[in-house]
Amino acid sequence: MAVHEQSPHRAGRRPPPPGTGPAACGPTTGAPARALAGARMLMGFVFLWAFLDKALGLGYATPAGKGWADGGSPTRGFLGSVRVGPLESVFHSWAGAVWADWLFMLGLLGIGVALIAGVALRLSALAGSVMMALMWMAEWPPARHLSDGSPSMSTNPFADYHLVYAVLLAVLAAAAAGDTLGLGRTWARLPVVRDHHWLR
């Protein structure tokens, strides 16, 4: 007698939604998974280091004594010096605002910690891509020279590092890069994350 495979519907089980099965999660084992995990942690350190330097004034991008903890503003210098692009006046109005400082710093910290831990990669990719897009517009690479004739901050009119970072964040989220050398699987099993896939 032939044995027929039981349908998941007859067994009382619903098949996973399209695009959410194991094959859709990207490489979770082997060298590709480890490479993505390494890229994820390195990208997380980029964001976390930016937070620490701006918060404590470690003397790299932020001079000693000028950190957020010392009363400095992490947005005033950068946004206040914007001299090109369609959002120049908008960025000037944001420069040094308390809400902008908090949002920027919490974004750097949250994205950095999430990437290193391998959790909430979709949210991190969204928040990080928005941040990178705004920073790209603040530097406005399409403007080859500023009004006084000095070179612009970017050396490429389109594909500078802000856009590369944004694309990498999207790749890490799409490939579920937190499942290897991270807490991605544990995070995915949390009830609230199971019920809301956008938190994955």
Protein backbone atom coordinates (compact mmCIF):
# COMPACT_ATOMS: atom_id res chain seq x y z
CA MET A 1 0.00 0.00 0.00
CA ALA A 2 1.37 3.39 -0.98
CA VAL A 3 2.13 5.79 1.82
CA HIS A 4 1.14 9.36 1.08
CA GLU A 5 2.80 12.27 2.84
CA GLN A 6 0.34 13.96 5.13
CA SER A 7 -0.55 17.52 4.17
CA PRO A 8 0.39 20.15 6.76
CA HIS A 9 -3.17 21.46 6.49
CA ARG A 10 -4.63 18.01 7.41
CA ALA A 11 -2.22 17.68 10.30
CA GLY A 12 -3.51 20.92 11.74
CA ARG A 13 -0.34 22.81 10.93
CA ARG A 14 -0.18 25.90 8.79
CA PRO A 15 2.74 26.23 6.36
CA PRO A 16 5.08 29.17 7.00
CA PRO A 17 4.33 32.36 5.06
CA PRO A 18 6.14 32.69 1.73
CA GLY A 19 9.68 33.98 2.14
CA THR A 20 9.94 33.07 5.83
CA GLY A 21 11.13 29.47 5.69
CA PRO A 22 14.66 28.33 6.54
CA ALA A 23 15.91 28.86 2.99
CA ALA A 24 14.80 32.49 3.07
CA CYS A 25 16.94 33.31 6.09
CA GLY A 26 20.20 33.22 4.17
CA PRO A 27 23.33 31.28 5.03
CA THR A 28 23.31 30.37 8.72
CA THR A 29 26.23 27.92 8.75
CA GLY A 30 29.67 27.60 7.26
CA ALA A 31 32.11 30.17 5.96
CA PRO A 32 29.51 32.55 4.42
CA ALA A 33 27.66 32.77 7.73
CA ARG A 34 30.87 33.44 9.66
CA ALA A 35 31.92 36.08 7.15
CA LEU A 36 28.58 37.85 7.50
CA ALA A 37 28.81 37.59 11.28
CA GLY A 38 32.24 39.19 11.18
CA ALA A 39 30.96 42.00 8.95
CA ARG A 40 28.00 42.46 11.32
CA MET A 41 30.19 42.83 14.40
CA LEU A 42 32.61 45.14 12.60
CA MET A 43 29.73 47.32 11.43
CA GLY A 44 28.38 47.34 14.98
CA PHE A 45 31.72 48.54 16.30
CA VAL A 46 31.67 51.42 13.79
CA PHE A 47 28.41 52.69 15.30
CA LEU A 48 29.37 51.92 18.90
CA TRP A 49 32.76 53.62 18.56
CA ALA A 50 31.12 56.73 17.09
CA PHE A 51 28.84 56.82 20.13
CA LEU A 52 31.70 56.42 22.62
CA ASP A 53 33.90 59.00 20.91
CA LYS A 54 31.11 61.59 20.75
CA ALA A 55 29.92 60.83 24.27
CA LEU A 56 33.30 60.88 26.00
CA GLY A 57 35.47 63.03 23.73
CA LEU A 58 38.14 60.38 23.14
CA GLY A 59 40.20 62.67 20.93
CA TYR A 60 39.44 61.09 17.56
CA ALA A 61 36.51 62.71 15.72
CA THR A 62 35.58 64.49 18.96
CA PRO A 63 38.32 66.47 20.78
CA ALA A 64 38.97 65.73 24.43
CA GLY A 65 36.78 67.84 26.68
CA LYS A 66 34.20 68.40 23.92
CA GLY A 67 32.22 65.20 24.39
CA TRP A 68 28.53 64.95 25.16
CA ALA A 69 29.36 64.09 28.77
CA ASP A 70 31.33 67.35 29.01
CA GLY A 71 28.37 69.42 27.85
CA GLY A 72 29.23 69.41 24.16
CA SER A 73 26.69 68.77 21.42
CA PRO A 74 27.25 65.78 19.10
CA THR A 75 25.23 67.42 16.31
CA ARG A 76 26.14 71.12 16.50
CA GLY A 77 29.54 70.90 14.84
CA PHE A 78 28.62 68.60 11.97
CA LEU A 79 25.15 69.89 11.14
CA GLY A 80 26.09 73.51 11.79
CA SER A 81 28.91 73.29 9.23
CA VAL A 82 26.72 71.97 6.39
CA ARG A 83 27.25 74.28 3.42
CA VAL A 84 25.81 72.31 0.51
CA GLY A 85 22.72 70.35 -0.44
CA PRO A 86 18.97 70.87 -0.52
CA LEU A 87 18.56 70.42 3.26
CA GLU A 88 21.23 72.91 4.34
CA SER A 89 18.83 75.21 6.21
CA VAL A 90 17.03 72.23 7.79
CA PHE A 91 20.27 70.79 9.12
CA HIS A 92 21.25 74.19 10.51
CA SER A 93 17.96 74.35 12.41
CA TRP A 94 18.61 70.88 13.87
CA ALA A 95 22.21 71.59 14.88
CA GLY A 96 22.62 71.48 18.66
CA ALA A 97 18.93 70.82 19.37
CA VAL A 98 18.49 68.64 22.46
CA TRP A 99 16.11 66.26 20.67
CA ALA A 100 18.56 65.89 17.76
CA ASP A 101 21.46 65.15 20.13
CA TRP A 102 19.49 62.48 22.01
CA LEU A 103 18.03 60.89 18.89
CA PHE A 104 21.42 60.76 17.18
CA MET A 105 23.26 59.34 20.19
CA LEU A 106 20.58 56.78 21.08
CA GLY A 107 20.56 55.73 17.43
CA LEU A 108 24.33 55.18 17.38
CA LEU A 109 24.23 53.25 20.65
CA GLY A 110 21.18 51.15 19.81
CA ILE A 111 22.36 50.22 16.32
CA GLY A 112 25.86 49.42 17.55
CA VAL A 113 24.71 47.18 20.41
CA ALA A 114 22.07 45.44 18.27
CA LEU A 115 24.54 44.65 15.49
CA ILE A 116 27.20 43.31 17.83
CA ALA A 117 24.61 41.19 19.67
CA GLY A 118 22.95 40.09 16.41
CA VAL A 119 19.41 41.11 17.38
CA ALA A 120 16.77 43.40 15.83
CA LEU A 121 18.72 43.57 12.59
CA ARG A 122 15.73 44.72 10.55
CA LEU A 123 15.12 47.69 12.85
CA SER A 124 18.85 48.41 12.92
CA ALA A 125 19.02 48.33 9.12
CA LEU A 126 16.10 50.74 8.84
CA ALA A 127 17.39 53.17 11.47
CA GLY A 128 20.96 52.97 10.25
CA SER A 129 19.97 53.50 6.61
CA VAL A 130 17.93 56.60 7.51
CA MET A 131 20.89 57.95 9.50
CA MET A 132 23.33 57.25 6.67
CA ALA A 133 21.00 58.84 4.11
CA LEU A 134 20.75 62.02 6.20
CA MET A 135 24.51 62.17 6.66
CA TRP A 136 24.98 61.62 2.91
CA MET A 137 22.66 64.56 2.23
CA ALA A 138 24.50 66.67 4.80
CA GLU A 139 27.75 66.16 2.91
CA TRP A 140 25.96 66.18 -0.47
CA PRO A 141 28.62 64.42 -2.58
CA PRO A 142 27.03 65.51 -5.91
CA ALA A 143 28.35 69.02 -5.19
CA ARG A 144 31.93 68.74 -6.43
CA HIS A 145 33.02 72.00 -4.78
CA LEU A 146 31.70 74.28 -2.10
CA SER A 147 30.73 77.86 -2.83
CA ASP A 148 34.19 79.14 -1.89
CA GLY A 149 35.87 76.73 -4.32
CA SER A 150 37.30 74.35 -1.71
CA PRO A 151 36.82 70.60 -2.28
CA SER A 152 33.71 68.92 -0.92
CA MET A 153 34.01 66.38 1.92
CA SER A 154 33.33 63.41 -0.36
CA THR A 155 35.59 62.19 -3.16
CA ASN A 156 32.86 60.26 -4.96
CA PRO A 157 29.74 62.00 -6.33
CA PHE A 158 27.45 59.10 -5.45
CA ALA A 159 28.80 55.89 -3.91
CA ASP A 160 30.53 57.14 -0.78
CA TYR A 161 30.80 55.18 2.47
CA HIS A 162 27.38 56.27 3.79
CA LEU A 163 25.60 54.42 0.99
CA VAL A 164 27.93 51.43 1.29
CA TYR A 165 27.09 51.18 5.01
CA ALA A 166 23.35 51.43 4.28
CA VAL A 167 23.52 48.61 1.73
CA LEU A 168 25.60 46.46 4.08
CA LEU A 169 23.04 46.93 6.85
CA ALA A 170 20.28 45.77 4.51
CA VAL A 171 22.32 42.70 3.48
CA LEU A 172 23.00 41.75 7.11
CA ALA A 173 19.31 41.97 7.97
CA ALA A 174 18.19 40.03 4.87
CA ALA A 175 20.72 37.27 5.53
CA ALA A 176 19.80 36.90 9.23
CA ALA A 177 23.44 37.51 10.06
CA GLY A 178 22.71 37.52 13.79
CA ASP A 179 22.05 33.78 13.82
CA THR A 180 25.78 33.01 13.69
CA LEU A 181 28.03 34.19 16.53
CA GLY A 182 25.13 36.21 17.83
CA LEU A 183 21.86 36.07 19.74
CA GLY A 184 19.66 36.13 16.63
CA ARG A 185 18.04 32.72 17.17
CA THR A 186 17.33 33.40 20.85
CA TRP A 187 15.90 36.80 19.94
CA ALA A 188 13.68 35.26 17.25
CA ARG A 189 12.15 32.85 19.79
CA LEU A 190 10.86 35.64 22.01
CA PRO A 191 7.04 35.72 21.82
CA VAL A 192 6.86 39.39 20.83
CA VAL A 193 9.39 38.85 18.04
CA ARG A 194 7.62 35.68 16.82
CA ASP A 195 4.37 37.66 16.57
CA HIS A 196 5.96 40.70 14.91
CA HIS A 197 8.42 39.65 12.22
CA TRP A 198 9.54 43.26 11.66
CA LEU A 199 11.30 43.04 15.04
CA ARG A 200 13.43 40.18 13.76
